[in-house]
Amino acid sequence: MARGGNPFGGGGNMQQLMRQAQKMQEQLAKTQEALDEKEYEASSGGGIVTCKVSGKRELLSLSIKPEAVDPDDVEMLEDLVKAAVNEALRQGEEAREAAMAAMTPGGMGGLL
């Protein structure tokens, strides 16, 4: 154990560790803000249904081509909408996970 009973060494080391943690926290906040501002677009049915979502996981736009509207097959349209929205949300989530993984040093992934 280091002198003075501090298992982390002298006070200077602890201050340096705290500065590093604060810097990491600031970088994390900036990365999260940038991710929230991004937009992700996906389509289904060969482009019949297209949607755009934000990094905040909000639906920003939804476009449905007229040929997708069949009163006798509403379920198909519902499936196409769900598929497009879910794909756009998945893209956003993958980008968020990759950015967060890049920010965390080895072994700390579960802490953030």
PDB file of N, CA and C in Angstrom:
ATOM      1  N   MET A   1       0.844  -1.183   0.000  1.00  0.00           N
ATOM      2  CA  MET A   1       0.000   0.000   0.000  1.00  0.00           C
ATOM      3  C   MET A   1       0.881   1.234   0.000  1.00  0.00           C
ATOM      4  N   ALA A   2       0.431   2.259  -0.675  1.00  0.00           N
ATOM      5  CA  ALA A   2       1.206   3.493  -0.759  1.00  0.00           C
ATOM      6  C   ALA A   2       1.208   4.199   0.585  1.00  0.00           C
ATOM      7  N   ARG A   3       2.168   5.093   0.737  1.00  0.00           N
ATOM      8  CA  ARG A   3       2.249   5.851   1.992  1.00  0.00           C
ATOM      9  C   ARG A   3       0.949   6.596   2.261  1.00  0.00           C
ATOM     10  N   GLY A   4       0.646   6.741   3.520  1.00  0.00           N
ATOM     11  CA  GLY A   4      -0.545   7.475   3.904  1.00  0.00           C
ATOM     12  C   GLY A   4      -1.799   6.629   3.848  1.00  0.00           C
ATOM     13  N   GLY A   5      -1.673   5.346   3.545  1.00  0.00           N
ATOM     14  CA  GLY A   5      -2.823   4.464   3.548  1.00  0.00           C
ATOM     15  C   GLY A   5      -3.688   4.553   2.306  1.00  0.00           C
ATOM     16  N   ASN A   6      -3.294   5.315   1.305  1.00  0.00           N
ATOM     17  CA  ASN A   6      -4.083   5.458   0.088  1.00  0.00           C
ATOM     18  C   ASN A   6      -3.693   4.347  -0.886  1.00  0.00           C
ATOM     19  N   PRO A   7      -4.576   3.412  -1.180  1.00  0.00           N
ATOM     20  CA  PRO A   7      -4.230   2.297  -2.066  1.00  0.00           C
ATOM     21  C   PRO A   7      -4.016   2.729  -3.516  1.00  0.00           C
ATOM     22  N   PHE A   8      -4.391   3.952  -3.880  1.00  0.00           N
ATOM     23  CA  PHE A   8      -4.250   4.436  -5.249  1.00  0.00           C
ATOM     24  C   PHE A   8      -2.987   5.263  -5.443  1.00  0.00           C
ATOM     25  N   GLY A   9      -2.149   5.361  -4.458  1.00  0.00           N
ATOM     26  CA  GLY A   9      -0.927   6.141  -4.580  1.00  0.00           C
ATOM     27  C   GLY A   9      -1.124   7.532  -4.013  1.00  0.00           C
ATOM     28  N   GLY A  10      -0.253   8.444  -4.393  1.00  0.00           N
ATOM     29  CA  GLY A  10      -0.294   9.812  -3.875  1.00  0.00           C
ATOM     30  C   GLY A  10      -1.497  10.584  -4.362  1.00  0.00           C
ATOM     31  N   GLY A  11      -1.723  11.733  -3.742  1.00  0.00           N
ATOM     32  CA  GLY A  11      -2.868  12.576  -4.075  1.00  0.00           C
ATOM     33  C   GLY A  11      -2.846  13.061  -5.505  1.00  0.00           C
ATOM     34  N   GLY A  12      -1.644  13.265  -6.070  1.00  0.00           N
ATOM     35  CA  GLY A  12      -1.542  13.722  -7.456  1.00  0.00           C
ATOM     36  C   GLY A  12      -2.123  12.714  -8.431  1.00  0.00           C
ATOM     37  N   ASN A  13      -1.920  11.460  -8.157  1.00  0.00           N
ATOM     38  CA  ASN A  13      -2.456  10.420  -9.035  1.00  0.00           C
ATOM     39  C   ASN A  13      -3.982  10.414  -9.006  1.00  0.00           C
ATOM     40  N   MET A  14      -4.542  10.621  -7.842  1.00  0.00           N
ATOM     41  CA  MET A  14      -6.001  10.648  -7.706  1.00  0.00           C
ATOM     42  C   MET A  14      -6.580  11.846  -8.443  1.00  0.00           C
ATOM     43  N   GLN A  15      -5.900  12.992  -8.342  1.00  0.00           N
ATOM     44  CA  GLN A  15      -6.374  14.180  -9.063  1.00  0.00           C
ATOM     45  C   GLN A  15      -6.308  13.955 -10.564  1.00  0.00           C
ATOM     46  N   GLN A  16      -5.249  13.310 -11.034  1.00  0.00           N
ATOM     47  CA  GLN A  16      -5.120  13.015 -12.454  1.00  0.00           C
ATOM     48  C   GLN A  16      -6.229  12.071 -12.904  1.00  0.00           C
ATOM     49  N   LEU A  17      -6.515  11.074 -12.091  1.00  0.00           N
ATOM     50  CA  LEU A  17      -7.580  10.127 -12.398  1.00  0.00           C
ATOM     51  C   LEU A  17      -8.928  10.836 -12.468  1.00  0.00           C
ATOM     52  N   MET A  18      -9.159  11.750 -11.555  1.00  0.00           N
ATOM     53  CA  MET A  18     -10.422  12.505 -11.552  1.00  0.00           C
ATOM     54  C   MET A  18     -10.532  13.394 -12.798  1.00  0.00           C
ATOM     55  N   ARG A  19      -9.423  14.019 -13.205  1.00  0.00           N
ATOM     56  CA  ARG A  19      -9.437  14.841 -14.430  1.00  0.00           C
ATOM     57  C   ARG A  19      -9.731  13.974 -15.651  1.00  0.00           C
ATOM     58  N   GLN A  20      -9.132  12.800 -15.704  1.00  0.00           N
ATOM     59  CA  GLN A  20      -9.385  11.898 -16.824  1.00  0.00           C
ATOM     60  C   GLN A  20     -10.846  11.466 -16.855  1.00  0.00           C
ATOM     61  N   ALA A  21     -11.393  11.169 -15.694  1.00  0.00           N
ATOM     62  CA  ALA A  21     -12.799  10.761 -15.623  1.00  0.00           C
ATOM     63  C   ALA A  21     -13.708  11.897 -16.058  1.00  0.00           C
ATOM     64  N   GLN A  22     -13.397  13.117 -15.659  1.00  0.00           N
ATOM     65  CA  GLN A  22     -14.205  14.267 -16.053  1.00  0.00           C
ATOM     66  C   GLN A  22     -14.121  14.487 -17.566  1.00  0.00           C
ATOM     67  N   LYS A  23     -12.911  14.351 -18.118  1.00  0.00           N
ATOM     68  CA  LYS A  23     -12.736  14.513 -19.558  1.00  0.00           C
ATOM     69  C   LYS A  23     -13.535  13.451 -20.313  1.00  0.00           C
ATOM     70  N   MET A  24     -13.505  12.220 -19.823  1.00  0.00           N
ATOM     71  CA  MET A  24     -14.249  11.139 -20.466  1.00  0.00           C
ATOM     72  C   MET A  24     -15.746  11.418 -20.400  1.00  0.00           C
ATOM     73  N   GLN A  25     -16.201  11.936 -19.277  1.00  0.00           N
ATOM     74  CA  GLN A  25     -17.624  12.251 -19.110  1.00  0.00           C
ATOM     75  C   GLN A  25     -18.049  13.353 -20.086  1.00  0.00           C
ATOM     76  N   GLU A  26     -17.185  14.347 -20.282  1.00  0.00           N
ATOM     77  CA  GLU A  26     -17.487  15.424 -21.227  1.00  0.00           C
ATOM     78  C   GLU A  26     -17.535  14.894 -22.654  1.00  0.00           C
ATOM     79  N   GLN A  27     -16.589  14.020 -23.005  1.00  0.00           N
ATOM     80  CA  GLN A  27     -16.580  13.422 -24.341  1.00  0.00           C
ATOM     81  C   GLN A  27     -17.825  12.572 -24.562  1.00  0.00           C
ATOM     82  N   LEU A  28     -18.218  11.841 -23.545  1.00  0.00           N
ATOM     83  CA  LEU A  28     -19.408  11.012 -23.629  1.00  0.00           C
ATOM     84  C   LEU A  28     -20.646  11.871 -23.874  1.00  0.00           C
ATOM     85  N   ALA A  29     -20.761  12.979 -23.169  1.00  0.00           N
ATOM     86  CA  ALA A  29     -21.904  13.875 -23.338  1.00  0.00           C
ATOM     87  C   ALA A  29     -21.932  14.449 -24.762  1.00  0.00           C
ATOM     88  N   LYS A  30     -20.767  14.840 -25.292  1.00  0.00           N
ATOM     89  CA  LYS A  30     -20.703  15.375 -26.659  1.00  0.00           C
ATOM     90  C   LYS A  30     -21.085  14.308 -27.675  1.00  0.00           C
ATOM     91  N   THR A  31     -20.617  13.083 -27.465  1.00  0.00           N
ATOM     92  CA  THR A  31     -20.936  11.997 -28.378  1.00  0.00           C
ATOM     93  C   THR A  31     -22.430  11.695 -28.356  1.00  0.00           C
ATOM     94  N   GLN A  32     -23.017  11.668 -27.176  1.00  0.00           N
ATOM     95  CA  GLN A  32     -24.449  11.412 -27.070  1.00  0.00           C
ATOM     96  C   GLN A  32     -25.253  12.511 -27.762  1.00  0.00           C
ATOM     97  N   GLU A  33     -24.820  13.748 -27.605  1.00  0.00           N
ATOM     98  CA  GLU A  33     -25.512  14.861 -28.253  1.00  0.00           C
ATOM     99  C   GLU A  33     -25.429  14.739 -29.777  1.00  0.00           C
ATOM    100  N   ALA A  34     -24.248  14.387 -30.281  1.00  0.00           N
ATOM    101  CA  ALA A  34     -24.077  14.213 -31.720  1.00  0.00           C
ATOM    102  C   ALA A  34     -24.939  13.069 -32.234  1.00  0.00           C
ATOM    103  N   LEU A  35     -25.014  11.980 -31.484  1.00  0.00           N
ATOM    104  CA  LEU A  35     -25.843  10.841 -31.887  1.00  0.00           C
ATOM    105  C   LEU A  35     -27.321  11.211 -31.903  1.00  0.00           C
ATOM    106  N   ASP A  36     -27.755  12.015 -30.943  1.00  0.00           N
ATOM    107  CA  ASP A  36     -29.148  12.442 -30.889  1.00  0.00           C
ATOM    108  C   ASP A  36     -29.528  13.269 -32.113  1.00  0.00           C
ATOM    109  N   GLU A  37     -28.557  13.995 -32.685  1.00  0.00           N
ATOM    110  CA  GLU A  37     -28.831  14.869 -33.821  1.00  0.00           C
ATOM    111  C   GLU A  37     -28.825  14.128 -35.158  1.00  0.00           C
ATOM    112  N   LYS A  38     -28.306  12.914 -35.196  1.00  0.00           N
ATOM    113  CA  LYS A  38     -28.244  12.164 -36.451  1.00  0.00           C
ATOM    114  C   LYS A  38     -29.627  11.685 -36.876  1.00  0.00           C
ATOM    115  N   GLU A  39     -29.738  11.410 -38.182  1.00  0.00           N
ATOM    116  CA  GLU A  39     -30.973  10.870 -38.738  1.00  0.00           C
ATOM    117  C   GLU A  39     -30.652   9.588 -39.488  1.00  0.00           C
ATOM    118  N   TYR A  40     -31.580   8.642 -39.442  1.00  0.00           N
ATOM    119  CA  TYR A  40     -31.417   7.347 -40.087  1.00  0.00           C
ATOM    120  C   TYR A  40     -32.646   7.082 -40.940  1.00  0.00           C
ATOM    121  N   GLU A  41     -32.398   6.620 -42.165  1.00  0.00           N
ATOM    122  CA  GLU A  41     -33.493   6.381 -43.095  1.00  0.00           C
ATOM    123  C   GLU A  41     -33.470   4.920 -43.533  1.00  0.00           C
ATOM    124  N   ALA A  42     -34.642   4.341 -43.663  1.00  0.00           N
ATOM    125  CA  ALA A  42     -34.765   2.959 -44.131  1.00  0.00           C
ATOM    126  C   ALA A  42     -36.053   2.829 -44.925  1.00  0.00           C
ATOM    127  N   SER A  43     -36.086   1.784 -45.754  1.00  0.00           N
ATOM    128  CA  SER A  43     -37.284   1.537 -46.538  1.00  0.00           C
ATOM    129  C   SER A  43     -37.581   0.050 -46.554  1.00  0.00           C
ATOM    130  N   SER A  44     -38.781  -0.274 -46.975  1.00  0.00           N
ATOM    131  CA  SER A  44     -39.179  -1.674 -47.113  1.00  0.00           C
ATOM    132  C   SER A  44     -40.035  -1.797 -48.357  1.00  0.00           C
ATOM    133  N   GLY A  45     -40.226  -3.039 -48.784  1.00  0.00           N
ATOM    134  CA  GLY A  45     -41.043  -3.280 -49.972  1.00  0.00           C
ATOM    135  C   GLY A  45     -40.441  -2.675 -51.219  1.00  0.00           C
ATOM    136  N   GLY A  46     -39.111  -2.667 -51.289  1.00  0.00           N
ATOM    137  CA  GLY A  46     -38.466  -2.099 -52.468  1.00  0.00           C
ATOM    138  C   GLY A  46     -38.642  -0.597 -52.584  1.00  0.00           C
ATOM    139  N   GLY A  47     -38.782   0.079 -51.455  1.00  0.00           N
ATOM    140  CA  GLY A  47     -38.934   1.531 -51.462  1.00  0.00           C
ATOM    141  C   GLY A  47     -40.366   2.010 -51.422  1.00  0.00           C
ATOM    142  N   ILE A  48     -41.307   1.097 -51.278  1.00  0.00           N
ATOM    143  CA  ILE A  48     -42.723   1.497 -51.220  1.00  0.00           C
ATOM    144  C   ILE A  48     -42.998   2.291 -49.943  1.00  0.00           C
ATOM    145  N   VAL A  49     -42.357   1.870 -48.845  1.00  0.00           N
ATOM    146  CA  VAL A  49     -42.491   2.582 -47.581  1.00  0.00           C
ATOM    147  C   VAL A  49     -41.104   3.037 -47.160  1.00  0.00           C
ATOM    148  N   THR A  50     -40.962   4.323 -46.871  1.00  0.00           N
ATOM    149  CA  THR A  50     -39.690   4.884 -46.433  1.00  0.00           C
ATOM    150  C   THR A  50     -39.944   5.712 -45.188  1.00  0.00           C
ATOM    151  N   CYS A  51     -39.007   5.602 -44.236  1.00  0.00           N
ATOM    152  CA  CYS A  51     -39.155   6.405 -43.025  1.00  0.00           C
ATOM    153  C   CYS A  51     -37.802   6.957 -42.611  1.00  0.00           C
ATOM    154  N   LYS A  52     -37.859   7.964 -41.790  1.00  0.00           N
ATOM    155  CA  LYS A  52     -36.659   8.578 -41.236  1.00  0.00           C
ATOM    156  C   LYS A  52     -36.887   8.727 -39.734  1.00  0.00           C
ATOM    157  N   VAL A  53     -35.879   8.320 -38.948  1.00  0.00           N
ATOM    158  CA  VAL A  53     -35.945   8.479 -37.495  1.00  0.00           C
ATOM    159  C   VAL A  53     -34.745   9.283 -37.027  1.00  0.00           C
ATOM    160  N   SER A  54     -34.886   9.882 -35.858  1.00  0.00           N
ATOM    161  CA  SER A  54     -33.783  10.642 -35.279  1.00  0.00           C
ATOM    162  C   SER A  54     -32.991   9.757 -34.334  1.00  0.00           C
ATOM    163  N   GLY A  55     -31.830  10.233 -33.969  1.00  0.00           N
ATOM    164  CA  GLY A  55     -31.019   9.538 -32.980  1.00  0.00           C
ATOM    165  C   GLY A  55     -31.693   9.498 -31.622  1.00  0.00           C
ATOM    166  N   LYS A  56     -32.708  10.316 -31.437  1.00  0.00           N
ATOM    167  CA  LYS A  56     -33.488  10.305 -30.194  1.00  0.00           C
ATOM    168  C   LYS A  56     -34.603   9.269 -30.253  1.00  0.00           C
ATOM    169  N   ARG A  57     -34.581   8.470 -31.323  1.00  0.00           N
ATOM    170  CA  ARG A  57     -35.546   7.387 -31.523  1.00  0.00           C
ATOM    171  C   ARG A  57     -36.971   7.917 -31.745  1.00  0.00           C
ATOM    172  N   GLU A  58     -37.058   9.017 -32.507  1.00  0.00           N
ATOM    173  CA  GLU A  58     -38.353   9.598 -32.844  1.00  0.00           C
ATOM    174  C   GLU A  58     -38.571   9.464 -34.345  1.00  0.00           C
ATOM    175  N   LEU A  59     -39.777   9.125 -34.746  1.00  0.00           N
ATOM    176  CA  LEU A  59     -40.127   9.041 -36.157  1.00  0.00           C
ATOM    177  C   LEU A  59     -40.246  10.459 -36.701  1.00  0.00           C
ATOM    178  N   LEU A  60     -39.413  10.793 -37.698  1.00  0.00           N
ATOM    179  CA  LEU A  60     -39.412  12.140 -38.261  1.00  0.00           C
ATOM    180  C   LEU A  60     -40.277  12.243 -39.504  1.00  0.00           C
ATOM    181  N   SER A  61     -40.254  11.201 -40.340  1.00  0.00           N
ATOM    182  CA  SER A  61     -41.072  11.231 -41.544  1.00  0.00           C
ATOM    183  C   SER A  61     -41.418   9.814 -41.962  1.00  0.00           C
ATOM    184  N   LEU A  62     -42.514   9.716 -42.666  1.00  0.00           N
ATOM    185  CA  LEU A  62     -42.990   8.435 -43.175  1.00  0.00           C
ATOM    186  C   LEU A  62     -43.598   8.696 -44.550  1.00  0.00           C
ATOM    187  N   SER A  63     -43.106   7.961 -45.552  1.00  0.00           N
ATOM    188  CA  SER A  63     -43.593   8.119 -46.915  1.00  0.00           C
ATOM    189  C   SER A  63     -44.123   6.779 -47.402  1.00  0.00           C
ATOM    190  N   ILE A  64     -45.343   6.801 -47.909  1.00  0.00           N
ATOM    191  CA  ILE A  64     -45.969   5.583 -48.429  1.00  0.00           C
ATOM    192  C   ILE A  64     -46.420   5.862 -49.856  1.00  0.00           C
ATOM    193  N   LYS A  65     -45.899   5.077 -50.793  1.00  0.00           N
ATOM    194  CA  LYS A  65     -46.289   5.259 -52.191  1.00  0.00           C
ATOM    195  C   LYS A  65     -47.725   4.768 -52.379  1.00  0.00           C
ATOM    196  N   PRO A  66     -48.484   5.416 -53.267  1.00  0.00           N
ATOM    197  CA  PRO A  66     -49.897   5.068 -53.468  1.00  0.00           C
ATOM    198  C   PRO A  66     -50.135   3.590 -53.783  1.00  0.00           C
ATOM    199  N   GLU A  67     -49.210   2.958 -54.499  1.00  0.00           N
ATOM    200  CA  GLU A  67     -49.425   1.551 -54.854  1.00  0.00           C
ATOM    201  C   GLU A  67     -49.397   0.622 -53.651  1.00  0.00           C
ATOM    202  N   ALA A  68     -48.959   1.125 -52.521  1.00  0.00           N
ATOM    203  CA  ALA A  68     -48.933   0.305 -51.306  1.00  0.00           C
ATOM    204  C   ALA A  68     -50.297   0.263 -50.626  1.00  0.00           C
ATOM    205  N   VAL A  69     -51.174   1.170 -51.007  1.00  0.00           N
ATOM    206  CA  VAL A  69     -52.476   1.267 -50.356  1.00  0.00           C
ATOM    207  C   VAL A  69     -53.472   0.354 -51.068  1.00  0.00           C
ATOM    208  N   ASP A  70     -53.723  -0.775 -50.425  1.00  0.00           N
ATOM    209  CA  ASP A  70     -54.694  -1.752 -50.935  1.00  0.00           C
ATOM    210  C   ASP A  70     -55.693  -2.003 -49.812  1.00  0.00           C
ATOM    211  N   PRO A  71     -56.919  -1.502 -49.960  1.00  0.00           N
ATOM    212  CA  PRO A  71     -57.901  -1.654 -48.888  1.00  0.00           C
ATOM    213  C   PRO A  71     -58.146  -3.114 -48.500  1.00  0.00           C
ATOM    214  N   ASP A  72     -57.870  -4.017 -49.414  1.00  0.00           N
ATOM    215  CA  ASP A  72     -58.088  -5.437 -49.119  1.00  0.00           C
ATOM    216  C   ASP A  72     -56.892  -6.083 -48.431  1.00  0.00           C
ATOM    217  N   ASP A  73     -55.781  -5.362 -48.311  1.00  0.00           N
ATOM    218  CA  ASP A  73     -54.587  -5.941 -47.696  1.00  0.00           C
ATOM    219  C   ASP A  73     -53.885  -4.903 -46.810  1.00  0.00           C
ATOM    220  N   VAL A  74     -54.596  -4.418 -45.822  1.00  0.00           N
ATOM    221  CA  VAL A  74     -54.053  -3.429 -44.892  1.00  0.00           C
ATOM    222  C   VAL A  74     -52.895  -4.022 -44.088  1.00  0.00           C
ATOM    223  N   GLU A  75     -52.962  -5.311 -43.801  1.00  0.00           N
ATOM    224  CA  GLU A  75     -51.905  -5.961 -43.024  1.00  0.00           C
ATOM    225  C   GLU A  75     -50.548  -5.862 -43.703  1.00  0.00           C
ATOM    226  N   MET A  76     -50.512  -5.963 -45.028  1.00  0.00           N
ATOM    227  CA  MET A  76     -49.243  -5.850 -45.739  1.00  0.00           C
ATOM    228  C   MET A  76     -48.649  -4.461 -45.541  1.00  0.00           C
ATOM    229  N   LEU A  77     -49.465  -3.431 -45.646  1.00  0.00           N
ATOM    230  CA  LEU A  77     -48.991  -2.066 -45.451  1.00  0.00           C
ATOM    231  C   LEU A  77     -48.486  -1.883 -44.026  1.00  0.00           C
ATOM    232  N   GLU A  78     -49.217  -2.401 -43.060  1.00  0.00           N
ATOM    233  CA  GLU A  78     -48.777  -2.308 -41.665  1.00  0.00           C
ATOM    234  C   GLU A  78     -47.422  -2.982 -41.479  1.00  0.00           C
ATOM    235  N   ASP A  79     -47.237  -4.144 -42.089  1.00  0.00           N
ATOM    236  CA  ASP A  79     -45.970  -4.865 -41.992  1.00  0.00           C
ATOM    237  C   ASP A  79     -44.833  -4.081 -42.637  1.00  0.00           C
ATOM    238  N   LEU A  80     -45.111  -3.455 -43.776  1.00  0.00           N
ATOM    239  CA  LEU A  80     -44.084  -2.663 -44.452  1.00  0.00           C
ATOM    240  C   LEU A  80     -43.671  -1.457 -43.608  1.00  0.00           C
ATOM    241  N   VAL A  81     -44.643  -0.811 -42.990  1.00  0.00           N
ATOM    242  CA  VAL A  81     -44.343   0.338 -42.126  1.00  0.00           C
ATOM    243  C   VAL A  81     -43.506  -0.111 -40.932  1.00  0.00           C
ATOM    244  N   LYS A  82     -43.923  -1.189 -40.283  1.00  0.00           N
ATOM    245  CA  LYS A  82     -43.156  -1.693 -39.133  1.00  0.00           C
ATOM    246  C   LYS A  82     -41.744  -2.065 -39.540  1.00  0.00           C
ATOM    247  N   ALA A  83     -41.595  -2.720 -40.676  1.00  0.00           N
ATOM    248  CA  ALA A  83     -40.269  -3.142 -41.127  1.00  0.00           C
ATOM    249  C   ALA A  83     -39.353  -1.943 -41.376  1.00  0.00           C
ATOM    250  N   ALA A  84     -39.871  -0.920 -42.027  1.00  0.00           N
ATOM    251  CA  ALA A  84     -39.058   0.265 -42.323  1.00  0.00           C
ATOM    252  C   ALA A  84     -38.674   0.994 -41.038  1.00  0.00           C
ATOM    253  N   VAL A  85     -39.628   1.199 -40.148  1.00  0.00           N
ATOM    254  CA  VAL A  85     -39.353   1.904 -38.896  1.00  0.00           C
ATOM    255  C   VAL A  85     -38.361   1.114 -38.044  1.00  0.00           C
ATOM    256  N   ASN A  86     -38.578  -0.176 -37.920  1.00  0.00           N
ATOM    257  CA  ASN A  86     -37.673  -0.992 -37.107  1.00  0.00           C
ATOM    258  C   ASN A  86     -36.258  -1.017 -37.675  1.00  0.00           C
ATOM    259  N   GLU A  87     -36.119  -1.031 -38.983  1.00  0.00           N
ATOM    260  CA  GLU A  87     -34.788  -1.024 -39.597  1.00  0.00           C
ATOM    261  C   GLU A  87     -34.083   0.302 -39.333  1.00  0.00           C
ATOM    262  N   ALA A  88     -34.791   1.410 -39.470  1.00  0.00           N
ATOM    263  CA  ALA A  88     -34.183   2.713 -39.200  1.00  0.00           C
ATOM    264  C   ALA A  88     -33.775   2.822 -37.736  1.00  0.00           C
ATOM    265  N   LEU A  89     -34.626   2.348 -36.832  1.00  0.00           N
ATOM    266  CA  LEU A  89     -34.285   2.369 -35.406  1.00  0.00           C
ATOM    267  C   LEU A  89     -33.082   1.470 -35.117  1.00  0.00           C
ATOM    268  N   ARG A  90     -33.010   0.318 -35.782  1.00  0.00           N
ATOM    269  CA  ARG A  90     -31.880  -0.586 -35.596  1.00  0.00           C
ATOM    270  C   ARG A  90     -30.587   0.071 -36.048  1.00  0.00           C
ATOM    271  N   GLN A  91     -30.625   0.787 -37.181  1.00  0.00           N
ATOM    272  CA  GLN A  91     -29.440   1.484 -37.666  1.00  0.00           C
ATOM    273  C   GLN A  91     -28.965   2.514 -36.642  1.00  0.00           C
ATOM    274  N   GLY A  92     -29.904   3.249 -36.092  1.00  0.00           N
ATOM    275  CA  GLY A  92     -29.555   4.246 -35.079  1.00  0.00           C
ATOM    276  C   GLY A  92     -28.965   3.612 -33.838  1.00  0.00           C
ATOM    277  N   GLU A  93     -29.527   2.510 -33.413  1.00  0.00           N
ATOM    278  CA  GLU A  93     -29.037   1.832 -32.213  1.00  0.00           C
ATOM    279  C   GLU A  93     -27.641   1.259 -32.444  1.00  0.00           C
ATOM    280  N   GLU A  94     -27.397   0.701 -33.626  1.00  0.00           N
ATOM    281  CA  GLU A  94     -26.063   0.185 -33.946  1.00  0.00           C
ATOM    282  C   GLU A  94     -25.026   1.300 -33.925  1.00  0.00           C
ATOM    283  N   ALA A  95     -25.376   2.455 -34.477  1.00  0.00           N
ATOM    284  CA  ALA A  95     -24.455   3.596 -34.480  1.00  0.00           C
ATOM    285  C   ALA A  95     -24.181   4.062 -33.056  1.00  0.00           C
ATOM    286  N   ARG A  96     -25.216   4.090 -32.227  1.00  0.00           N
ATOM    287  CA  ARG A  96     -25.063   4.502 -30.832  1.00  0.00           C
ATOM    288  C   ARG A  96     -24.160   3.523 -30.079  1.00  0.00           C
ATOM    289  N   GLU A  97     -24.389   2.229 -30.252  1.00  0.00           N
ATOM    290  CA  GLU A  97     -23.574   1.220 -29.564  1.00  0.00           C
ATOM    291  C   GLU A  97     -22.122   1.289 -30.008  1.00  0.00           C
ATOM    292  N   ALA A  98     -21.888   1.479 -31.308  1.00  0.00           N
ATOM    293  CA  ALA A  98     -20.516   1.562 -31.806  1.00  0.00           C
ATOM    294  C   ALA A  98     -19.802   2.791 -31.250  1.00  0.00           C
ATOM    295  N   ALA A  99     -20.508   3.914 -31.199  1.00  0.00           N
ATOM    296  CA  ALA A  99     -19.898   5.136 -30.678  1.00  0.00           C
ATOM    297  C   ALA A  99     -19.588   5.005 -29.190  1.00  0.00           C
ATOM    298  N   MET A 100     -20.485   4.405 -28.449  1.00  0.00           N
ATOM    299  CA  MET A 100     -20.261   4.236 -27.015  1.00  0.00           C
ATOM    300  C   MET A 100     -19.131   3.233 -26.756  1.00  0.00           C
ATOM    301  N   ALA A 101     -19.059   2.185 -27.555  1.00  0.00           N
ATOM    302  CA  ALA A 101     -17.990   1.197 -27.391  1.00  0.00           C
ATOM    303  C   ALA A 101     -16.636   1.834 -27.662  1.00  0.00           C
ATOM    304  N   ALA A 102     -16.578   2.737 -28.621  1.00  0.00           N
ATOM    305  CA  ALA A 102     -15.325   3.410 -28.944  1.00  0.00           C
ATOM    306  C   ALA A 102     -14.896   4.348 -27.823  1.00  0.00           C
ATOM    307  N   MET A 103     -15.837   4.793 -27.021  1.00  0.00           N
ATOM    308  CA  MET A 103     -15.538   5.738 -25.937  1.00  0.00           C
ATOM    309  C   MET A 103     -15.078   5.054 -24.662  1.00  0.00           C
ATOM    310  N   THR A 104     -15.391   3.781 -24.499  1.00  0.00           N
ATOM    311  CA  THR A 104     -15.101   3.122 -23.238  1.00  0.00           C
ATOM    312  C   THR A 104     -13.839   2.290 -23.331  1.00  0.00           C
ATOM    313  N   PRO A 105     -12.917   2.501 -22.400  1.00  0.00           N
ATOM    314  CA  PRO A 105     -11.725   1.660 -22.385  1.00  0.00           C
ATOM    315  C   PRO A 105     -12.072   0.227 -22.019  1.00  0.00           C
ATOM    316  N   GLY A 106     -11.237  -0.716 -22.376  1.00  0.00           N
ATOM    317  CA  GLY A 106     -11.485  -2.125 -22.092  1.00  0.00           C
ATOM    318  C   GLY A 106     -11.890  -2.372 -20.661  1.00  0.00           C
ATOM    319  N   GLY A 107     -12.896  -3.210 -20.505  1.00  0.00           N
ATOM    320  CA  GLY A 107     -13.337  -3.580 -19.173  1.00  0.00           C
ATOM    321  C   GLY A 107     -14.344  -2.650 -18.538  1.00  0.00           C
ATOM    322  N   MET A 108     -14.641  -1.487 -19.177  1.00  0.00           N
ATOM    323  CA  MET A 108     -15.582  -0.557 -18.557  1.00  0.00           C
ATOM    324  C   MET A 108     -16.913  -0.520 -19.295  1.00  0.00           C
ATOM    325  N   GLY A 109     -17.065  -1.329 -20.327  1.00  0.00           N
ATOM    326  CA  GLY A 109     -18.269  -1.278 -21.135  1.00  0.00           C
ATOM    327  C   GLY A 109     -19.553  -1.418 -20.359  1.00  0.00           C
ATOM    328  N   GLY A 110     -19.578  -2.249 -19.330  1.00  0.00           N
ATOM    329  CA  GLY A 110     -20.786  -2.452 -18.550  1.00  0.00           C
ATOM    330  C   GLY A 110     -21.082  -1.350 -17.567  1.00  0.00           C
ATOM    331  N   LEU A 111     -20.145  -0.426 -17.373  1.00  0.00           N
ATOM    332  CA  LEU A 111     -20.355   0.625 -16.389  1.00  0.00           C
ATOM    333  C   LEU A 111     -21.106   1.814 -16.942  1.00  0.00           C
ATOM    334  N   LEU A 112     -21.124   1.991 -18.266  1.00  0.00           N
ATOM    335  CA  LEU A 112     -21.768   3.178 -18.842  1.00  0.00           C
ATOM    336  C   LEU A 112     -23.109   2.862 -19.422  1.00  0.00           C
TER     337      LEU A 112
END
